[in-house]
Amino acid sequence: MADEAQTKPMLETILEEMRAGFAQVDKRFDALEQRFEAVESLVDRAASAAYDTRAEVRELKSDLKRLREQLNVPA
């Protein structure tokens, strides 16, 4: 019985420390998730800019082709 009286508080202390440790791990994962979301947003914006640029280049290419045809310049 004496061993149980000593062991129970020790186990409760260990459990409290584990809970505190898991809470810290959760905080770090939350911070990491926020960073990933920020990176994802930046990647989405970069992809959007790349698609816009691609469309503009295609339009310029088409305009250049029309101008060459108007000037009878071989490609």
N, C-alpha and C. Protein backbone atom coordinates (compact mmCIF):
# COMPACT_ATOMS: atom_id res chain seq x y z
N MET A 1 0.81 -1.19 0.00
CA MET A 1 0.00 0.00 0.00
C MET A 1 0.86 1.26 0.00
N ALA A 2 1.99 1.20 0.70
CA ALA A 2 2.88 2.36 0.78
C ALA A 2 3.46 2.67 -0.59
N ASP A 3 3.80 1.61 -1.33
CA ASP A 3 4.34 1.82 -2.67
C ASP A 3 3.32 2.52 -3.57
N GLU A 4 2.06 2.13 -3.47
CA GLU A 4 1.00 2.73 -4.27
C GLU A 4 0.83 4.21 -3.92
N ALA A 5 0.95 4.54 -2.65
CA ALA A 5 0.81 5.92 -2.20
C ALA A 5 1.93 6.79 -2.77
N GLN A 6 3.10 6.23 -2.96
CA GLN A 6 4.23 6.99 -3.52
C GLN A 6 4.18 7.02 -5.04
N THR A 7 3.72 5.94 -5.63
CA THR A 7 3.72 5.82 -7.09
C THR A 7 2.67 6.70 -7.74
N LYS A 8 1.49 6.81 -7.16
CA LYS A 8 0.40 7.56 -7.76
C LYS A 8 0.76 9.03 -7.99
N PRO A 9 1.29 9.76 -7.00
CA PRO A 9 1.66 11.16 -7.26
C PRO A 9 2.75 11.28 -8.33
N MET A 10 3.69 10.33 -8.33
CA MET A 10 4.76 10.35 -9.32
C MET A 10 4.17 10.15 -10.72
N LEU A 11 3.25 9.22 -10.89
CA LEU A 11 2.61 8.98 -12.17
C LEU A 11 1.79 10.19 -12.61
N GLU A 12 1.13 10.85 -11.66
CA GLU A 12 0.35 12.04 -11.99
C GLU A 12 1.28 13.17 -12.46
N THR A 13 2.42 13.29 -11.82
CA THR A 13 3.40 14.31 -12.22
C THR A 13 3.92 14.01 -13.63
N ILE A 14 4.21 12.76 -13.89
CA ILE A 14 4.68 12.38 -15.23
C ILE A 14 3.60 12.65 -16.27
N LEU A 15 2.38 12.34 -15.94
CA LEU A 15 1.26 12.58 -16.85
C LEU A 15 1.10 14.07 -17.14
N GLU A 16 1.21 14.90 -16.11
CA GLU A 16 1.12 16.35 -16.29
C GLU A 16 2.24 16.85 -17.19
N GLU A 17 3.45 16.35 -16.99
CA GLU A 17 4.58 16.76 -17.82
C GLU A 17 4.38 16.32 -19.27
N MET A 18 3.85 15.14 -19.45
CA MET A 18 3.58 14.66 -20.81
C MET A 18 2.53 15.53 -21.48
N ARG A 19 1.49 15.88 -20.74
CA ARG A 19 0.45 16.75 -21.31
C ARG A 19 1.03 18.11 -21.70
N ALA A 20 1.88 18.65 -20.84
CA ALA A 20 2.53 19.93 -21.14
C ALA A 20 3.41 19.80 -22.38
N GLY A 21 4.12 18.70 -22.46
CA GLY A 21 4.97 18.45 -23.64
C GLY A 21 4.15 18.34 -24.91
N PHE A 22 3.05 17.61 -24.85
CA PHE A 22 2.19 17.48 -26.03
C PHE A 22 1.57 18.82 -26.41
N ALA A 23 1.24 19.65 -25.41
CA ALA A 23 0.69 20.98 -25.71
C ALA A 23 1.73 21.81 -26.45
N GLN A 24 2.98 21.70 -26.07
CA GLN A 24 4.05 22.44 -26.77
C GLN A 24 4.22 21.91 -28.20
N VAL A 25 4.15 20.61 -28.35
CA VAL A 25 4.25 20.02 -29.69
C VAL A 25 3.09 20.51 -30.56
N ASP A 26 1.90 20.54 -29.99
CA ASP A 26 0.73 21.04 -30.73
C ASP A 26 0.94 22.48 -31.17
N LYS A 27 1.47 23.32 -30.28
CA LYS A 27 1.74 24.72 -30.63
C LYS A 27 2.72 24.81 -31.80
N ARG A 28 3.75 23.99 -31.75
CA ARG A 28 4.76 24.02 -32.82
C ARG A 28 4.16 23.55 -34.14
N PHE A 29 3.31 22.54 -34.10
CA PHE A 29 2.65 22.07 -35.31
C PHE A 29 1.71 23.13 -35.87
N ASP A 30 1.02 23.85 -34.98
CA ASP A 30 0.14 24.93 -35.43
C ASP A 30 0.95 26.02 -36.13
N ALA A 31 2.08 26.39 -35.54
CA ALA A 31 2.94 27.40 -36.16
C ALA A 31 3.47 26.91 -37.50
N LEU A 32 3.84 25.64 -37.57
CA LEU A 32 4.32 25.07 -38.82
C LEU A 32 3.23 25.06 -39.88
N GLU A 33 2.01 24.74 -39.46
CA GLU A 33 0.89 24.74 -40.40
C GLU A 33 0.64 26.14 -40.94
N GLN A 34 0.76 27.16 -40.10
CA GLN A 34 0.60 28.53 -40.56
C GLN A 34 1.68 28.90 -41.58
N ARG A 35 2.89 28.46 -41.34
CA ARG A 35 3.97 28.74 -42.29
C ARG A 35 3.70 28.05 -43.63
N PHE A 36 3.25 26.81 -43.59
CA PHE A 36 2.94 26.10 -44.83
C PHE A 36 1.82 26.80 -45.59
N GLU A 37 0.83 27.29 -44.87
CA GLU A 37 -0.26 28.01 -45.52
C GLU A 37 0.24 29.28 -46.19
N ALA A 38 1.18 29.98 -45.54
CA ALA A 38 1.76 31.18 -46.12
C ALA A 38 2.56 30.84 -47.38
N VAL A 39 3.33 29.76 -47.32
CA VAL A 39 4.10 29.33 -48.49
C VAL A 39 3.16 28.92 -49.62
N GLU A 40 2.10 28.21 -49.28
CA GLU A 40 1.13 27.79 -50.29
C GLU A 40 0.50 29.00 -50.98
N SER A 41 0.21 30.03 -50.20
CA SER A 41 -0.36 31.25 -50.76
C SER A 41 0.62 31.91 -51.72
N LEU A 42 1.88 31.96 -51.33
CA LEU A 42 2.91 32.55 -52.20
C LEU A 42 3.08 31.74 -53.49
N VAL A 43 3.04 30.44 -53.38
CA VAL A 43 3.17 29.59 -54.57
C VAL A 43 1.97 29.79 -55.49
N ASP A 44 0.79 29.89 -54.91
CA ASP A 44 -0.41 30.13 -55.73
C ASP A 44 -0.30 31.46 -56.47
N ARG A 45 0.18 32.49 -55.77
CA ARG A 45 0.34 33.80 -56.42
C ARG A 45 1.38 33.75 -57.53
N ALA A 46 2.48 33.03 -57.28
CA ALA A 46 3.52 32.91 -58.30
C ALA A 46 2.99 32.15 -59.51
N ALA A 47 2.23 31.09 -59.28
CA ALA A 47 1.66 30.32 -60.39
C ALA A 47 0.69 31.19 -61.19
N SER A 48 -0.11 31.98 -60.50
CA SER A 48 -1.04 32.86 -61.18
C SER A 48 -0.29 33.87 -62.05
N ALA A 49 0.77 34.44 -61.51
CA ALA A 49 1.58 35.39 -62.29
C ALA A 49 2.20 34.71 -63.49
N ALA A 50 2.63 33.47 -63.32
CA ALA A 50 3.23 32.73 -64.44
C ALA A 50 2.20 32.47 -65.53
N TYR A 51 0.99 32.10 -65.15
CA TYR A 51 -0.06 31.88 -66.14
C TYR A 51 -0.43 33.17 -66.86
N ASP A 52 -0.49 34.27 -66.11
CA ASP A 52 -0.78 35.57 -66.73
C ASP A 52 0.32 35.94 -67.73
N THR A 53 1.56 35.73 -67.33
CA THR A 53 2.69 36.05 -68.20
C THR A 53 2.65 35.18 -69.45
N ARG A 54 2.33 33.92 -69.27
CA ARG A 54 2.25 33.00 -70.42
C ARG A 54 1.18 33.47 -71.40
N ALA A 55 0.04 33.89 -70.89
CA ALA A 55 -1.04 34.38 -71.76
C ALA A 55 -0.60 35.64 -72.49
N GLU A 56 0.09 36.53 -71.80
CA GLU A 56 0.56 37.75 -72.44
C GLU A 56 1.58 37.46 -73.53
N VAL A 57 2.47 36.52 -73.28
CA VAL A 57 3.48 36.15 -74.28
C VAL A 57 2.80 35.54 -75.50
N ARG A 58 1.82 34.71 -75.28
CA ARG A 58 1.09 34.14 -76.42
C ARG A 58 0.40 35.23 -77.24
N GLU A 59 -0.17 36.19 -76.54
CA GLU A 59 -0.84 37.30 -77.23
C GLU A 59 0.18 38.12 -78.03
N LEU A 60 1.33 38.38 -77.43
CA LEU A 60 2.38 39.12 -78.14
C LEU A 60 2.87 38.36 -79.36
N LYS A 61 2.99 37.06 -79.21
CA LYS A 61 3.42 36.22 -80.33
C LYS A 61 2.41 36.31 -81.47
N SER A 62 1.15 36.26 -81.12
CA SER A 62 0.10 36.37 -82.12
C SER A 62 0.13 37.74 -82.81
N ASP A 63 0.31 38.79 -82.01
CA ASP A 63 0.41 40.14 -82.57
C ASP A 63 1.61 40.26 -83.51
N LEU A 64 2.72 39.70 -83.12
CA LEU A 64 3.93 39.75 -83.95
C LEU A 64 3.71 39.01 -85.26
N LYS A 65 3.05 37.88 -85.20
CA LYS A 65 2.77 37.11 -86.41
C LYS A 65 1.89 37.93 -87.36
N ARG A 66 0.87 38.59 -86.82
CA ARG A 66 -0.01 39.43 -87.65
C ARG A 66 0.76 40.59 -88.27
N LEU A 67 1.63 41.20 -87.49
CA LEU A 67 2.42 42.32 -88.02
C LEU A 67 3.34 41.86 -89.14
N ARG A 68 3.96 40.70 -88.97
CA ARG A 68 4.83 40.16 -90.03
C ARG A 68 4.04 39.89 -91.30
N GLU A 69 2.84 39.36 -91.11
CA GLU A 69 2.00 39.10 -92.28
C GLU A 69 1.63 40.40 -92.98
N GLN A 70 1.33 41.43 -92.21
CA GLN A 70 0.98 42.73 -92.80
C GLN A 70 2.16 43.34 -93.54
N LEU A 71 3.37 43.11 -93.03
CA LEU A 71 4.56 43.67 -93.65
C LEU A 71 5.20 42.73 -94.66
N ASN A 72 4.60 41.56 -94.82
CA ASN A 72 5.12 40.52 -95.72
C ASN A 72 6.56 40.15 -95.39
N VAL A 73 6.82 40.02 -94.12
CA VAL A 73 8.15 39.62 -93.64
C VAL A 73 8.09 38.13 -93.35
N PRO A 74 9.01 37.35 -93.95
CA PRO A 74 9.00 35.91 -93.66
C PRO A 74 9.36 35.63 -92.19
N ALA A 75 8.79 34.59 -91.67
CA ALA A 75 9.01 34.26 -90.26
C ALA A 75 10.36 33.73 -90.01
